[in-house]
Amino acid sequence: MTSLKYWSTEVTKTSNAMTLQKGVFTLNNPKQIAKSLCQSAQKSSRIKSTPFRSAMSMLNFYINRAGKNLPKERIKILNQAKEELRKICK
C-alpha cells in the first residue's frame, strides 16, 4: 500500500493514461524529454485527449507535484521541455 504522502509518485510510476519511458523526467535534454512524452502519448490507446494535451498534462503534473523538491536547474530543464513539447507534438 502506498503512503498517502507519496501518492503522486505512485501516479507518475503507474499512470493509466500512458506508459512512460523509465527515467523520462531525469533526462537532461529538454528535447529528449518532450520527444519521449510525445511518443508515449501517441502510442497510447488509453489517453482521453490529444497526444499533445496528454503529454503536457503529465509533464505539468510532475512539475507541480515534484517541483517543490526539485533543484531550480531541474525545474528549468522541465520548463524548457514544455516549450519543446509545444514545437514537436502539435
Protein backbone atom coordinates (compact mmCIF):
# COMPACT_ATOMS: atom_id res chain seq x y z
CA MET A 1 0.00 0.00 0.00
CA THR A 2 1.30 3.41 -0.97
CA SER A 3 1.72 6.04 1.71
CA LEU A 4 -0.69 8.94 1.22
CA LYS A 5 2.29 11.28 1.44
CA TYR A 6 3.72 9.85 -1.78
CA TRP A 7 0.57 9.33 -3.86
CA SER A 8 1.92 11.49 -6.71
CA THR A 9 5.00 9.28 -7.06
CA GLU A 10 2.74 6.28 -7.44
CA VAL A 11 0.65 8.08 -10.10
CA THR A 12 3.78 9.01 -12.05
CA LYS A 13 5.03 5.42 -11.95
CA THR A 14 1.75 3.69 -12.70
CA SER A 15 -0.18 6.18 -14.84
CA ASN A 16 -3.08 4.54 -16.59
CA ALA A 17 -3.06 7.27 -19.24
CA MET A 18 0.19 6.26 -20.90
CA THR A 19 3.28 4.17 -20.41
CA LEU A 20 6.25 6.45 -19.81
CA GLN A 21 9.88 5.78 -20.69
CA LYS A 22 11.71 4.87 -17.50
CA GLY A 23 13.53 7.91 -16.14
CA VAL A 24 12.00 10.34 -18.62
CA PHE A 25 11.84 13.13 -16.05
CA THR A 26 15.51 12.69 -15.13
CA LEU A 27 16.81 13.25 -18.66
CA ASN A 28 18.98 16.35 -19.01
CA ASN A 29 17.93 17.30 -22.54
CA PRO A 30 14.55 19.11 -22.79
CA LYS A 31 14.10 17.92 -26.41
CA GLN A 32 14.55 14.29 -25.34
CA ILE A 33 12.02 14.70 -22.53
CA ALA A 34 9.49 16.27 -24.90
CA LYS A 35 10.09 13.67 -27.61
CA SER A 36 9.69 10.80 -25.17
CA LEU A 37 6.47 12.18 -23.66
CA CYS A 38 5.02 12.88 -27.10
CA GLN A 39 5.87 9.39 -28.35
CA SER A 40 4.39 7.80 -25.23
CA ALA A 41 1.16 9.75 -25.72
CA GLN A 42 0.99 8.96 -29.44
CA LYS A 43 1.45 5.23 -28.79
CA SER A 44 -1.11 5.08 -26.01
CA SER A 45 -4.61 3.88 -26.71
CA ARG A 46 -5.68 4.91 -23.20
CA ILE A 47 -5.38 8.69 -23.42
CA LYS A 48 -8.59 10.71 -23.28
CA SER A 49 -7.40 13.80 -25.14
CA THR A 50 -4.94 14.67 -27.89
CA PRO A 51 -1.39 13.34 -27.56
CA PHE A 52 -0.08 16.89 -27.04
CA ARG A 53 -2.52 17.64 -24.22
CA SER A 54 -1.91 14.30 -22.55
CA ALA A 55 1.87 14.69 -22.71
CA MET A 56 1.70 18.29 -21.43
CA SER A 57 -0.63 17.23 -18.66
CA MET A 58 1.79 14.56 -17.47
CA LEU A 59 4.70 17.00 -17.59
CA ASN A 60 2.76 19.65 -15.66
CA PHE A 61 1.62 17.06 -13.13
CA TYR A 62 5.22 16.05 -12.49
CA ILE A 63 6.43 19.66 -12.19
CA ASN A 64 3.57 20.64 -9.87
CA ARG A 65 3.88 17.61 -7.61
CA ALA A 66 7.64 17.11 -7.50
CA GLY A 67 8.61 20.72 -8.12
CA LYS A 68 8.95 21.76 -4.50
CA ASN A 69 11.62 19.09 -4.02
CA LEU A 70 13.50 19.66 -7.27
CA PRO A 71 16.57 21.84 -7.75
CA LYS A 72 15.97 25.04 -9.74
CA GLU A 73 18.09 23.72 -12.62
CA ARG A 74 15.87 20.62 -12.93
CA ILE A 75 12.73 22.79 -12.95
CA LYS A 76 14.33 24.96 -15.64
CA ILE A 77 15.00 21.88 -17.81
CA LEU A 78 11.44 20.62 -17.33
CA ASN A 79 10.00 24.03 -18.24
CA GLN A 80 12.17 24.06 -21.36
CA ALA A 81 10.72 20.64 -22.16
CA LYS A 82 7.28 22.28 -22.20
CA GLU A 83 8.44 24.65 -24.92
CA GLU A 84 9.92 21.76 -26.90
CA LEU A 85 6.71 19.78 -26.48
CA ARG A 86 4.74 22.67 -27.99
CA LYS A 87 7.04 22.59 -31.02
CA ILE A 88 7.16 18.86 -31.72
CA CYS A 89 3.88 17.38 -30.54
CA LYS A 90 1.23 19.56 -32.13
